[in-house]
Amino acid sequence: MVTHARPTPIGLSPAQLRNRMILSARRIITEHWPRVDRCPICGSAWPCPRTETAYGYLATVGQGNWAPPTTRRE
């Protein structure tokens, strides 16, 4: 039986793909970060489904407690 190597998406190494996924998850969390107790994008209660998925991924790579830096929003 011949085993084939799994193709690398977009020609990225596993480490590069992991880093992109981490950045994407952090971006989702930052964009959906609550203003009071609701997601400003989805309008649903915190945590919204997208942030739950993003935090789920970050937890698998050991960064489950990440939170966006506090920024002043006007």
PDB file of N, CA and C in Angstrom:
ATOM      1  N   MET A   1       0.850  -1.169   0.000  1.00  0.00           N
ATOM      2  CA  MET A   1       0.000   0.000   0.000  1.00  0.00           C
ATOM      3  C   MET A   1       0.901   1.240   0.000  1.00  0.00           C
ATOM      4  N   VAL A   2       0.593   2.146  -0.882  1.00  0.00           N
ATOM      5  CA  VAL A   2       1.370   3.371  -0.999  1.00  0.00           C
ATOM      6  C   VAL A   2       0.659   4.476  -0.235  1.00  0.00           C
ATOM      7  N   THR A   3       1.388   5.177   0.595  1.00  0.00           N
ATOM      8  CA  THR A   3       0.800   6.305   1.304  1.00  0.00           C
ATOM      9  C   THR A   3       1.320   7.583   0.673  1.00  0.00           C
ATOM     10  N   HIS A   4       0.447   8.505   0.492  1.00  0.00           N
ATOM     11  CA  HIS A   4       0.807   9.780  -0.119  1.00  0.00           C
ATOM     12  C   HIS A   4       0.863  10.864   0.938  1.00  0.00           C
ATOM     13  N   ALA A   5       1.768  11.777   0.749  1.00  0.00           N
ATOM     14  CA  ALA A   5       1.851  12.915   1.666  1.00  0.00           C
ATOM     15  C   ALA A   5       0.643  13.810   1.436  1.00  0.00           C
ATOM     16  N   ARG A   6       0.137  14.347   2.520  1.00  0.00           N
ATOM     17  CA  ARG A   6      -0.995  15.266   2.382  1.00  0.00           C
ATOM     18  C   ARG A   6      -0.523  16.545   1.721  1.00  0.00           C
ATOM     19  N   PRO A   7      -1.300  17.061   0.784  1.00  0.00           N
ATOM     20  CA  PRO A   7      -0.891  18.310   0.135  1.00  0.00           C
ATOM     21  C   PRO A   7      -0.949  19.480   1.112  1.00  0.00           C
ATOM     22  N   THR A   8      -0.029  20.379   0.973  1.00  0.00           N
ATOM     23  CA  THR A   8       0.011  21.560   1.823  1.00  0.00           C
ATOM     24  C   THR A   8      -0.851  22.643   1.175  1.00  0.00           C
ATOM     25  N   PRO A   9      -1.858  23.147   1.874  1.00  0.00           N
ATOM     26  CA  PRO A   9      -2.709  24.186   1.298  1.00  0.00           C
ATOM     27  C   PRO A   9      -1.903  25.433   0.931  1.00  0.00           C
ATOM     28  N   ILE A  10      -2.129  25.936  -0.235  1.00  0.00           N
ATOM     29  CA  ILE A  10      -1.539  27.177  -0.729  1.00  0.00           C
ATOM     30  C   ILE A  10      -0.010  27.140  -0.681  1.00  0.00           C
ATOM     31  N   GLY A  11       0.574  25.974  -0.614  1.00  0.00           N
ATOM     32  CA  GLY A  11       2.016  25.874  -0.590  1.00  0.00           C
ATOM     33  C   GLY A  11       2.659  26.346   0.705  1.00  0.00           C
ATOM     34  N   LEU A  12       1.902  26.371   1.791  1.00  0.00           N
ATOM     35  CA  LEU A  12       2.440  26.823   3.073  1.00  0.00           C
ATOM     36  C   LEU A  12       2.946  25.635   3.883  1.00  0.00           C
ATOM     37  N   SER A  13       3.950  25.891   4.678  1.00  0.00           N
ATOM     38  CA  SER A  13       4.420  24.857   5.602  1.00  0.00           C
ATOM     39  C   SER A  13       3.398  24.747   6.736  1.00  0.00           C
ATOM     40  N   PRO A  14       3.423  23.662   7.479  1.00  0.00           N
ATOM     41  CA  PRO A  14       2.489  23.543   8.608  1.00  0.00           C
ATOM     42  C   PRO A  14       2.622  24.693   9.611  1.00  0.00           C
ATOM     43  N   ALA A  15       3.839  25.148   9.851  1.00  0.00           N
ATOM     44  CA  ALA A  15       4.034  26.257  10.799  1.00  0.00           C
ATOM     45  C   ALA A  15       3.439  27.553  10.252  1.00  0.00           C
ATOM     46  N   GLN A  16       3.596  27.797   8.958  1.00  0.00           N
ATOM     47  CA  GLN A  16       3.032  29.006   8.358  1.00  0.00           C
ATOM     48  C   GLN A  16       1.508  28.963   8.392  1.00  0.00           C
ATOM     49  N   LEU A  17       0.947  27.801   8.091  1.00  0.00           N
ATOM     50  CA  LEU A  17      -0.509  27.647   8.120  1.00  0.00           C
ATOM     51  C   LEU A  17      -1.042  27.860   9.534  1.00  0.00           C
ATOM     52  N   ARG A  18      -0.364  27.282  10.520  1.00  0.00           N
ATOM     53  CA  ARG A  18      -0.766  27.457  11.925  1.00  0.00           C
ATOM     54  C   ARG A  18      -0.745  28.930  12.305  1.00  0.00           C
ATOM     55  N   ASN A  19       0.308  29.645  11.929  1.00  0.00           N
ATOM     56  CA  ASN A  19       0.401  31.070  12.254  1.00  0.00           C
ATOM     57  C   ASN A  19      -0.706  31.878  11.590  1.00  0.00           C
ATOM     58  N   ARG A  20      -1.035  31.553  10.359  1.00  0.00           N
ATOM     59  CA  ARG A  20      -2.143  32.252   9.682  1.00  0.00           C
ATOM     60  C   ARG A  20      -3.471  31.977  10.368  1.00  0.00           C
ATOM     61  N   MET A  21      -3.668  30.734  10.784  1.00  0.00           N
ATOM     62  CA  MET A  21      -4.912  30.384  11.474  1.00  0.00           C
ATOM     63  C   MET A  21      -5.014  31.121  12.802  1.00  0.00           C
ATOM     64  N   ILE A  22      -3.906  31.246  13.518  1.00  0.00           N
ATOM     65  CA  ILE A  22      -3.895  31.980  14.785  1.00  0.00           C
ATOM     66  C   ILE A  22      -4.241  33.439  14.545  1.00  0.00           C
ATOM     67  N   LEU A  23      -3.630  34.043  13.542  1.00  0.00           N
ATOM     68  CA  LEU A  23      -3.933  35.450  13.233  1.00  0.00           C
ATOM     69  C   LEU A  23      -5.386  35.632  12.832  1.00  0.00           C
ATOM     70  N   SER A  24      -5.925  34.705  12.051  1.00  0.00           N
ATOM     71  CA  SER A  24      -7.330  34.792  11.644  1.00  0.00           C
ATOM     72  C   SER A  24      -8.261  34.681  12.845  1.00  0.00           C
ATOM     73  N   ALA A  25      -7.977  33.745  13.746  1.00  0.00           N
ATOM     74  CA  ALA A  25      -8.811  33.587  14.943  1.00  0.00           C
ATOM     75  C   ALA A  25      -8.765  34.841  15.801  1.00  0.00           C
ATOM     76  N   ARG A  26      -7.570  35.404  15.967  1.00  0.00           N
ATOM     77  CA  ARG A  26      -7.450  36.636  16.757  1.00  0.00           C
ATOM     78  C   ARG A  26      -8.204  37.793  16.098  1.00  0.00           C
ATOM     79  N   ARG A  27      -8.165  37.862  14.782  1.00  0.00           N
ATOM     80  CA  ARG A  27      -8.883  38.937  14.083  1.00  0.00           C
ATOM     81  C   ARG A  27     -10.393  38.795  14.283  1.00  0.00           C
ATOM     82  N   ILE A  28     -10.895  37.579  14.182  1.00  0.00           N
ATOM     83  CA  ILE A  28     -12.328  37.342  14.405  1.00  0.00           C
ATOM     84  C   ILE A  28     -12.714  37.776  15.809  1.00  0.00           C
ATOM     85  N   ILE A  29     -11.922  37.387  16.789  1.00  0.00           N
ATOM     86  CA  ILE A  29     -12.225  37.747  18.181  1.00  0.00           C
ATOM     87  C   ILE A  29     -12.206  39.263  18.350  1.00  0.00           C
ATOM     88  N   THR A  30     -11.212  39.923  17.768  1.00  0.00           N
ATOM     89  CA  THR A  30     -11.105  41.379  17.885  1.00  0.00           C
ATOM     90  C   THR A  30     -12.307  42.067  17.249  1.00  0.00           C
ATOM     91  N   GLU A  31     -12.713  41.620  16.055  1.00  0.00           N
ATOM     92  CA  GLU A  31     -13.849  42.249  15.375  1.00  0.00           C
ATOM     93  C   GLU A  31     -15.168  42.007  16.092  1.00  0.00           C
ATOM     94  N   HIS A  32     -15.301  40.866  16.747  1.00  0.00           N
ATOM     95  CA  HIS A  32     -16.560  40.508  17.403  1.00  0.00           C
ATOM     96  C   HIS A  32     -16.527  40.771  18.906  1.00  0.00           C
ATOM     97  N   TRP A  33     -15.479  41.442  19.388  1.00  0.00           N
ATOM     98  CA  TRP A  33     -15.347  41.707  20.823  1.00  0.00           C
ATOM     99  C   TRP A  33     -16.549  42.512  21.298  1.00  0.00           C
ATOM    100  N   PRO A  34     -17.125  42.152  22.438  1.00  0.00           N
ATOM    101  CA  PRO A  34     -18.381  42.789  22.862  1.00  0.00           C
ATOM    102  C   PRO A  34     -18.224  44.237  23.315  1.00  0.00           C
ATOM    103  N   ARG A  35     -19.241  44.980  23.055  1.00  0.00           N
ATOM    104  CA  ARG A  35     -19.388  46.329  23.583  1.00  0.00           C
ATOM    105  C   ARG A  35     -20.540  46.220  24.566  1.00  0.00           C
ATOM    106  N   VAL A  36     -20.289  46.067  25.789  1.00  0.00           N
ATOM    107  CA  VAL A  36     -21.208  45.778  26.893  1.00  0.00           C
ATOM    108  C   VAL A  36     -21.381  44.261  26.966  1.00  0.00           C
ATOM    109  N   ASP A  37     -22.463  43.696  26.459  1.00  0.00           N
ATOM    110  CA  ASP A  37     -22.644  42.247  26.550  1.00  0.00           C
ATOM    111  C   ASP A  37     -23.095  41.621  25.240  1.00  0.00           C
ATOM    112  N   ARG A  38     -23.006  42.381  24.151  1.00  0.00           N
ATOM    113  CA  ARG A  38     -23.447  41.891  22.854  1.00  0.00           C
ATOM    114  C   ARG A  38     -22.335  42.011  21.828  1.00  0.00           C
ATOM    115  N   CYS A  39     -22.363  41.117  20.861  1.00  0.00           N
ATOM    116  CA  CYS A  39     -21.407  41.178  19.758  1.00  0.00           C
ATOM    117  C   CYS A  39     -21.830  42.305  18.817  1.00  0.00           C
ATOM    118  N   PRO A  40     -20.935  43.235  18.487  1.00  0.00           N
ATOM    119  CA  PRO A  40     -21.308  44.349  17.616  1.00  0.00           C
ATOM    120  C   PRO A  40     -21.548  43.923  16.167  1.00  0.00           C
ATOM    121  N   ILE A  41     -21.034  42.787  15.762  1.00  0.00           N
ATOM    122  CA  ILE A  41     -21.199  42.307  14.392  1.00  0.00           C
ATOM    123  C   ILE A  41     -22.455  41.452  14.275  1.00  0.00           C
ATOM    124  N   CYS A  42     -22.562  40.438  15.123  1.00  0.00           N
ATOM    125  CA  CYS A  42     -23.680  39.489  15.060  1.00  0.00           C
ATOM    126  C   CYS A  42     -24.926  39.992  15.778  1.00  0.00           C
ATOM    127  N   GLY A  43     -24.729  40.772  16.834  1.00  0.00           N
ATOM    128  CA  GLY A  43     -25.848  41.230  17.637  1.00  0.00           C
ATOM    129  C   GLY A  43     -26.325  40.196  18.640  1.00  0.00           C
ATOM    130  N   SER A  44     -25.645  39.058  18.698  1.00  0.00           N
ATOM    131  CA  SER A  44     -26.061  38.018  19.636  1.00  0.00           C
ATOM    132  C   SER A  44     -25.330  38.191  20.961  1.00  0.00           C
ATOM    133  N   ALA A  45     -25.807  37.457  21.951  1.00  0.00           N
ATOM    134  CA  ALA A  45     -25.188  37.534  23.284  1.00  0.00           C
ATOM    135  C   ALA A  45     -23.762  37.022  23.215  1.00  0.00           C
ATOM    136  N   TRP A  46     -22.947  37.521  24.115  1.00  0.00           N
ATOM    137  CA  TRP A  46     -21.546  37.127  24.166  1.00  0.00           C
ATOM    138  C   TRP A  46     -21.419  35.800  24.879  1.00  0.00           C
ATOM    139  N   PRO A  47     -20.616  34.878  24.459  1.00  0.00           N
ATOM    140  CA  PRO A  47     -19.831  34.901  23.235  1.00  0.00           C
ATOM    141  C   PRO A  47     -20.668  34.454  22.046  1.00  0.00           C
ATOM    142  N   CYS A  48     -20.462  35.097  20.930  1.00  0.00           N
ATOM    143  CA  CYS A  48     -21.185  34.729  19.721  1.00  0.00           C
ATOM    144  C   CYS A  48     -20.564  33.456  19.128  1.00  0.00           C
ATOM    145  N   PRO A  49     -21.274  32.776  18.248  1.00  0.00           N
ATOM    146  CA  PRO A  49     -20.759  31.521  17.682  1.00  0.00           C
ATOM    147  C   PRO A  49     -19.392  31.657  17.001  1.00  0.00           C
ATOM    148  N   ARG A  50     -19.145  32.769  16.345  1.00  0.00           N
ATOM    149  CA  ARG A  50     -17.856  32.933  15.667  1.00  0.00           C
ATOM    150  C   ARG A  50     -16.701  33.026  16.659  1.00  0.00           C
ATOM    151  N   THR A  51     -16.920  33.742  17.763  1.00  0.00           N
ATOM    152  CA  THR A  51     -15.836  33.841  18.745  1.00  0.00           C
ATOM    153  C   THR A  51     -15.646  32.513  19.475  1.00  0.00           C
ATOM    154  N   GLU A  52     -16.722  31.763  19.682  1.00  0.00           N
ATOM    155  CA  GLU A  52     -16.573  30.451  20.304  1.00  0.00           C
ATOM    156  C   GLU A  52     -15.704  29.542  19.433  1.00  0.00           C
ATOM    157  N   THR A  53     -15.924  29.595  18.127  1.00  0.00           N
ATOM    158  CA  THR A  53     -15.115  28.792  17.208  1.00  0.00           C
ATOM    159  C   THR A  53     -13.668  29.256  17.223  1.00  0.00           C
ATOM    160  N   ALA A  54     -13.449  30.570  17.180  1.00  0.00           N
ATOM    161  CA  ALA A  54     -12.091  31.117  17.187  1.00  0.00           C
ATOM    162  C   ALA A  54     -11.373  30.761  18.483  1.00  0.00           C
ATOM    163  N   TYR A  55     -12.058  30.900  19.622  1.00  0.00           N
ATOM    164  CA  TYR A  55     -11.445  30.533  20.903  1.00  0.00           C
ATOM    165  C   TYR A  55     -11.198  29.022  20.981  1.00  0.00           C
ATOM    166  N   GLY A  56     -12.072  28.242  20.375  1.00  0.00           N
ATOM    167  CA  GLY A  56     -11.861  26.800  20.338  1.00  0.00           C
ATOM    168  C   GLY A  56     -10.570  26.447  19.618  1.00  0.00           C
ATOM    169  N   TYR A  57     -10.318  27.112  18.491  1.00  0.00           N
ATOM    170  CA  TYR A  57      -9.070  26.867  17.771  1.00  0.00           C
ATOM    171  C   TYR A  57      -7.869  27.322  18.594  1.00  0.00           C
ATOM    172  N   LEU A  58      -7.950  28.524  19.145  1.00  0.00           N
ATOM    173  CA  LEU A  58      -6.820  29.022  19.935  1.00  0.00           C
ATOM    174  C   LEU A  58      -6.527  28.113  21.122  1.00  0.00           C
ATOM    175  N   ALA A  59      -7.568  27.530  21.701  1.00  0.00           N
ATOM    176  CA  ALA A  59      -7.357  26.615  22.827  1.00  0.00           C
ATOM    177  C   ALA A  59      -6.577  25.380  22.384  1.00  0.00           C
ATOM    178  N   THR A  60      -6.799  24.927  21.152  1.00  0.00           N
ATOM    179  CA  THR A  60      -6.083  23.739  20.675  1.00  0.00           C
ATOM    180  C   THR A  60      -4.604  24.014  20.445  1.00  0.00           C
ATOM    181  N   VAL A  61      -4.242  25.279  20.266  1.00  0.00           N
ATOM    182  CA  VAL A  61      -2.825  25.617  20.065  1.00  0.00           C
ATOM    183  C   VAL A  61      -2.228  26.277  21.310  1.00  0.00           C
ATOM    184  N   GLY A  62      -2.942  26.195  22.432  1.00  0.00           N
ATOM    185  CA  GLY A  62      -2.401  26.684  23.701  1.00  0.00           C
ATOM    186  C   GLY A  62      -2.542  28.174  23.928  1.00  0.00           C
ATOM    187  N   GLN A  63      -3.465  28.829  23.223  1.00  0.00           N
ATOM    188  CA  GLN A  63      -3.653  30.272  23.388  1.00  0.00           C
ATOM    189  C   GLN A  63      -5.109  30.614  23.695  1.00  0.00           C
ATOM    190  N   GLY A  64      -5.786  29.732  24.391  1.00  0.00           N
ATOM    191  CA  GLY A  64      -7.208  29.891  24.655  1.00  0.00           C
ATOM    192  C   GLY A  64      -7.589  31.061  25.536  1.00  0.00           C
ATOM    193  N   ASN A  65      -6.640  31.649  26.238  1.00  0.00           N
ATOM    194  CA  ASN A  65      -6.978  32.779  27.112  1.00  0.00           C
ATOM    195  C   ASN A  65      -6.631  34.119  26.469  1.00  0.00           C
ATOM    196  N   TRP A  66      -6.372  34.141  25.170  1.00  0.00           N
ATOM    197  CA  TRP A  66      -6.008  35.377  24.484  1.00  0.00           C
ATOM    198  C   TRP A  66      -7.198  36.336  24.448  1.00  0.00           C
ATOM    199  N   ALA A  67      -6.936  37.603  24.633  1.00  0.00           N
ATOM    200  CA  ALA A  67      -7.952  38.652  24.529  1.00  0.00           C
ATOM    201  C   ALA A  67      -7.318  39.823  23.775  1.00  0.00           C
ATOM    202  N   PRO A  68      -8.115  40.531  22.981  1.00  0.00           N
ATOM    203  CA  PRO A  68      -7.544  41.657  22.243  1.00  0.00           C
ATOM    204  C   PRO A  68      -7.075  42.748  23.192  1.00  0.00           C
ATOM    205  N   PRO A  69      -6.034  43.457  22.793  1.00  0.00           N
ATOM    206  CA  PRO A  69      -5.585  44.562  23.633  1.00  0.00           C
ATOM    207  C   PRO A  69      -6.686  45.607  23.752  1.00  0.00           C
ATOM    208  N   THR A  70      -6.768  46.235  24.885  1.00  0.00           N
ATOM    209  CA  THR A  70      -7.796  47.254  25.058  1.00  0.00           C
ATOM    210  C   THR A  70      -7.399  48.494  24.249  1.00  0.00           C
ATOM    211  N   THR A  71      -8.351  48.936  23.467  1.00  0.00           N
ATOM    212  CA  THR A  71      -8.152  50.122  22.660  1.00  0.00           C
ATOM    213  C   THR A  71      -9.294  51.074  22.931  1.00  0.00           C
ATOM    214  N   ARG A  72      -9.037  52.296  22.766  1.00  0.00           N
ATOM    215  CA  ARG A  72     -10.067  53.299  22.981  1.00  0.00           C
ATOM    216  C   ARG A  72     -10.883  53.440  21.719  1.00  0.00           C
ATOM    217  N   ARG A  73     -12.169  53.187  21.833  1.00  0.00           N
ATOM    218  CA  ARG A  73     -13.075  53.290  20.688  1.00  0.00           C
ATOM    219  C   ARG A  73     -13.986  54.488  20.895  1.00  0.00           C
ATOM    220  N   GLU A  74     -14.163  55.213  19.823  1.00  0.00           N
ATOM    221  CA  GLU A  74     -15.024  56.397  19.924  1.00  0.00           C
ATOM    222  C   GLU A  74     -16.254  56.248  19.084  1.00  0.00           C
TER     223      GLU A  74
END
